[in-house]
Protein backbone atom coordinates (compact mmCIF):
# COMPACT_ATOMS: atom_id res chain seq x y z
CA MET A 1 62.05 105.28 95.09
CA ILE A 2 61.16 105.09 98.78
CA PHE A 3 60.03 108.69 99.10
CA LYS A 4 56.85 109.48 97.15
CA ASN A 5 56.86 113.18 97.77
CA PHE A 6 58.80 116.05 99.30
CA PHE A 7 56.85 115.93 102.58
CA SER A 8 57.73 112.31 103.40
CA LYS A 9 61.47 113.11 102.67
CA LEU A 10 61.30 116.05 104.96
CA VAL A 11 59.75 114.05 107.80
CA PHE A 12 62.29 111.22 107.37
CA PHE A 13 65.31 113.58 107.45
CA GLN A 14 63.98 115.49 110.44
CA ALA A 15 63.57 112.19 112.34
CA VAL A 16 67.16 111.16 111.42
CA PHE A 17 68.42 114.60 112.43
CA CYS A 18 66.64 114.41 115.76
CA CYS A 19 68.13 110.94 116.43
CA ILE A 20 71.61 112.32 115.79
CA ILE A 21 71.13 115.40 117.97
CA ILE A 22 69.86 113.41 120.97
CA GLY A 23 72.44 110.67 120.53
CA PHE A 24 69.96 107.89 119.76
CA ASP A 25 71.33 105.12 117.53
CA PRO A 26 68.37 103.70 115.61
CA VAL A 27 70.20 100.40 115.01
CA ASP A 28 70.89 99.63 118.68
CA ALA A 29 69.11 101.64 121.38
CA ASN A 30 71.19 99.94 124.10
CA ALA A 31 74.60 100.67 122.56
CA GLN A 32 75.39 103.60 124.87
CA GLU A 33 74.51 101.50 127.93
CA LYS A 34 76.64 98.62 126.67
CA ASN A 35 79.54 100.94 126.05
CA ASN A 36 79.29 102.30 129.65
CA ASN A 37 79.89 98.79 130.89
CA LYS A 38 82.97 98.16 128.74
CA GLY A 39 86.21 100.04 128.56
CA GLN A 40 86.62 102.19 125.51
CA VAL A 41 90.19 101.08 125.07
CA THR A 42 90.29 97.39 126.11
CA GLY A 43 86.64 96.37 125.82
CA LEU A 44 87.03 94.77 129.22
CA PRO A 45 84.26 95.28 131.88
CA ILE A 46 84.12 98.56 133.78
CA PRO A 47 84.42 98.40 136.74
CA ARG A 48 86.74 95.49 137.16
CA PHE A 49 89.45 94.44 139.61
CA VAL A 50 93.15 94.47 138.86
CA SER A 51 96.31 94.56 140.98
CA VAL A 52 99.49 96.50 141.30
CA LYS A 53 102.25 94.77 139.21
CA SER A 54 105.31 96.45 140.76
CA SER A 55 106.60 97.45 144.25
CA LYS A 56 106.61 101.11 143.20
CA VAL A 57 103.62 102.46 141.41
CA ASN A 58 102.81 106.19 141.00
CA VAL A 59 99.16 107.29 141.22
CA ARG A 60 98.64 110.53 139.24
CA ARG A 61 96.00 113.19 139.25
CA GLY A 62 95.25 112.67 135.56
CA PRO A 63 95.90 110.29 132.65
CA SER A 64 99.44 111.41 131.67
CA SER A 65 102.96 111.39 133.10
CA THR A 66 102.77 115.18 133.14
CA TYR A 67 100.14 115.11 135.91
CA GLN A 68 101.17 115.51 139.55
CA ILE A 69 101.89 112.29 141.54
CA ASP A 70 99.41 112.13 144.43
CA TRP A 71 100.88 109.07 146.09
CA VAL A 72 102.88 105.90 145.43
CA TYR A 73 101.88 102.27 146.06
CA THR A 74 104.83 100.37 147.50
CA ARG A 75 103.35 96.85 147.74
CA MET A 76 102.88 94.42 144.83
CA GLY A 77 99.47 92.85 144.57
CA VAL A 78 97.40 95.72 146.00
CA PRO A 79 93.94 95.14 144.65
CA LEU A 80 92.37 98.11 142.72
CA LYS A 81 89.11 98.71 140.97
CA VAL A 82 89.34 100.15 137.41
CA THR A 83 86.62 102.79 136.90
CA ALA A 84 87.74 104.27 133.66
CA GLU A 85 90.19 103.97 130.68
CA TYR A 86 91.90 106.61 128.70
CA GLN A 87 94.53 105.50 126.17
CA ASN A 88 97.16 103.60 128.19
CA TRP A 89 95.93 104.94 131.54
CA ARG A 90 93.47 103.46 133.97
CA ARG A 91 91.56 105.38 136.63
CA VAL A 92 91.53 103.24 139.72
CA GLU A 93 90.06 103.23 143.21
CA ASP A 94 91.46 101.42 146.24
CA PHE A 95 89.63 99.75 149.21
CA GLN A 96 89.57 103.14 151.07
CA GLY A 97 87.88 104.89 148.04
CA GLU A 98 90.98 106.83 147.06
CA GLY A 99 91.42 107.17 143.31
CA GLY A 100 93.81 108.27 140.59
CA TRP A 101 95.36 107.32 137.30
CA ILE A 102 97.95 104.58 136.77
CA HIS A 103 99.67 103.52 133.54
CA SER A 104 98.25 100.24 132.34
CA ARG A 105 101.71 98.54 132.15
CA LEU A 106 101.93 98.85 135.92
CA LEU A 107 98.72 96.88 136.47
CA SER A 108 98.04 93.16 136.30
CA GLY A 109 94.87 91.18 135.67
CA LYS A 110 95.93 88.88 138.54
CA ARG A 111 93.25 89.05 141.23
CA PHE A 112 94.08 89.80 144.82
CA ILE A 113 92.03 90.78 147.86
CA ILE A 114 92.81 92.78 150.99
CA ILE A 115 91.58 91.63 154.41
CA LEU A 116 89.26 94.29 155.95
CA ASP A 117 88.47 92.84 159.35
CA SER A 118 90.76 91.99 162.25
CA ARG A 119 91.69 88.41 162.83
CA VAL A 120 89.88 86.62 159.99
CA ILE A 121 89.87 82.83 160.24
CA LEU A 122 90.97 81.10 157.09
CA LYS A 123 88.85 77.93 156.74
CA ARG A 124 89.71 74.62 155.04
CA ARG A 125 86.37 74.69 153.10
CA PRO A 126 83.68 77.29 152.48
CA ASN A 127 81.72 76.49 155.59
CA LYS A 128 81.54 78.16 158.96
CA LYS A 129 82.04 74.77 160.72
CA SER A 130 85.10 73.89 158.73
CA PRO A 131 88.38 73.56 160.60
CA PRO A 132 90.66 76.69 160.65
CA VAL A 133 93.79 76.79 158.54
CA ALA A 134 95.22 80.11 159.74
CA ILE A 135 94.31 83.50 161.23
CA VAL A 136 94.76 86.47 158.87
CA GLU A 137 95.13 90.01 160.13
CA LYS A 138 93.55 93.19 158.77
CA GLY A 139 95.46 94.67 155.78
CA VAL A 140 96.97 91.43 154.61
CA ILE A 141 96.94 90.96 150.84
CA GLY A 142 96.09 87.55 149.47
CA ARG A 143 95.68 86.03 146.01
CA LEU A 144 92.07 85.43 145.03
CA VAL A 145 91.80 81.78 143.87
CA SER A 146 88.04 81.35 143.47
CA THR A 147 84.63 82.23 144.85
CA ALA A 148 81.68 80.16 145.91
CA GLY A 149 78.50 81.86 147.25
CA ASP A 150 79.49 84.12 150.13
CA TRP A 151 82.98 82.69 150.31
CA CYS A 152 86.35 83.54 148.68
CA GLU A 153 89.18 81.05 148.37
CA ILE A 154 92.41 82.86 148.92
CA SER A 155 96.16 82.06 149.14
CA VAL A 156 98.11 83.96 151.78
CA SER A 157 101.80 83.35 152.76
CA GLY A 158 101.73 79.69 151.75
CA HIS A 159 98.36 79.01 153.29
CA SER A 160 95.20 78.45 151.24
CA GLY A 161 91.63 78.52 152.51
CA TRP A 162 88.30 80.16 152.48
CA VAL A 163 87.07 83.49 154.08
CA MET A 164 83.72 85.08 154.08
CA THR A 165 83.30 87.78 151.35
CA GLU A 166 82.26 90.28 153.98
CA SER A 167 85.85 90.24 155.37
CA VAL A 168 87.59 91.18 152.11
CA TRP A 169 87.77 93.89 149.40
CA GLY A 170 88.62 92.97 145.85
CA THR A 171 85.63 91.11 144.57
CA PHE A 172 82.12 92.14 143.46
CA LEU A 173 80.48 89.65 145.65
CA LYS A 174 78.30 91.65 148.08
CA ARG A 175 79.47 92.63 151.49
CA LYS A 176 76.69 92.26 154.14
C-alpha cells in the first residue's frame, strides 16, 4: 500500500483537498489558462473574428431570445470579434467597442474588415510604392483575403488589393 501510516494519508488528502478548493488541477497546471483562450462551446479561439451572415441581425443584452434587443445590424459582412460563448450564443464586439449577444446561426466564419480611415489607397501589392488599384472610403466593408506583415489583402466591390493594417479593423495584426 502507498500509505504507510495514518499521518501520511492525512497529509495526502489535505493536499488534494487544498488543490480542489483553490481550483488547481495537479495534472495540468495550465488547463485554466488554455480554457480561457478557447471557447467552452466550440473550442475555437477566443477572441476571434467572425462576420454577420444576414442583412438583419439582432444584438441582445444577454444570451437568450428573451433578452432585450439593443440594436440591429442591417449589413451583411460586418466584422465582429467574439469575446465569449454560451450555448448557441456568442458575445461580440464591433469596431466601435459596442457589444452584445448574437445567436451563432446568424454569424459566419468568413472574414471581413471595415475601413477605419478616410480615403485609403488599395495597392496592387503589399508595398507603399506599388501602384494604386482603387481608393476606399471610411466605413466600407471588404472581404479579408490574406495578410502579409503590416498589410491585408482585401476584396471590395470587385477590386482586390492591399491596404495597411493600421487602416482597417477585423484582424489581430497590430494597429500602429
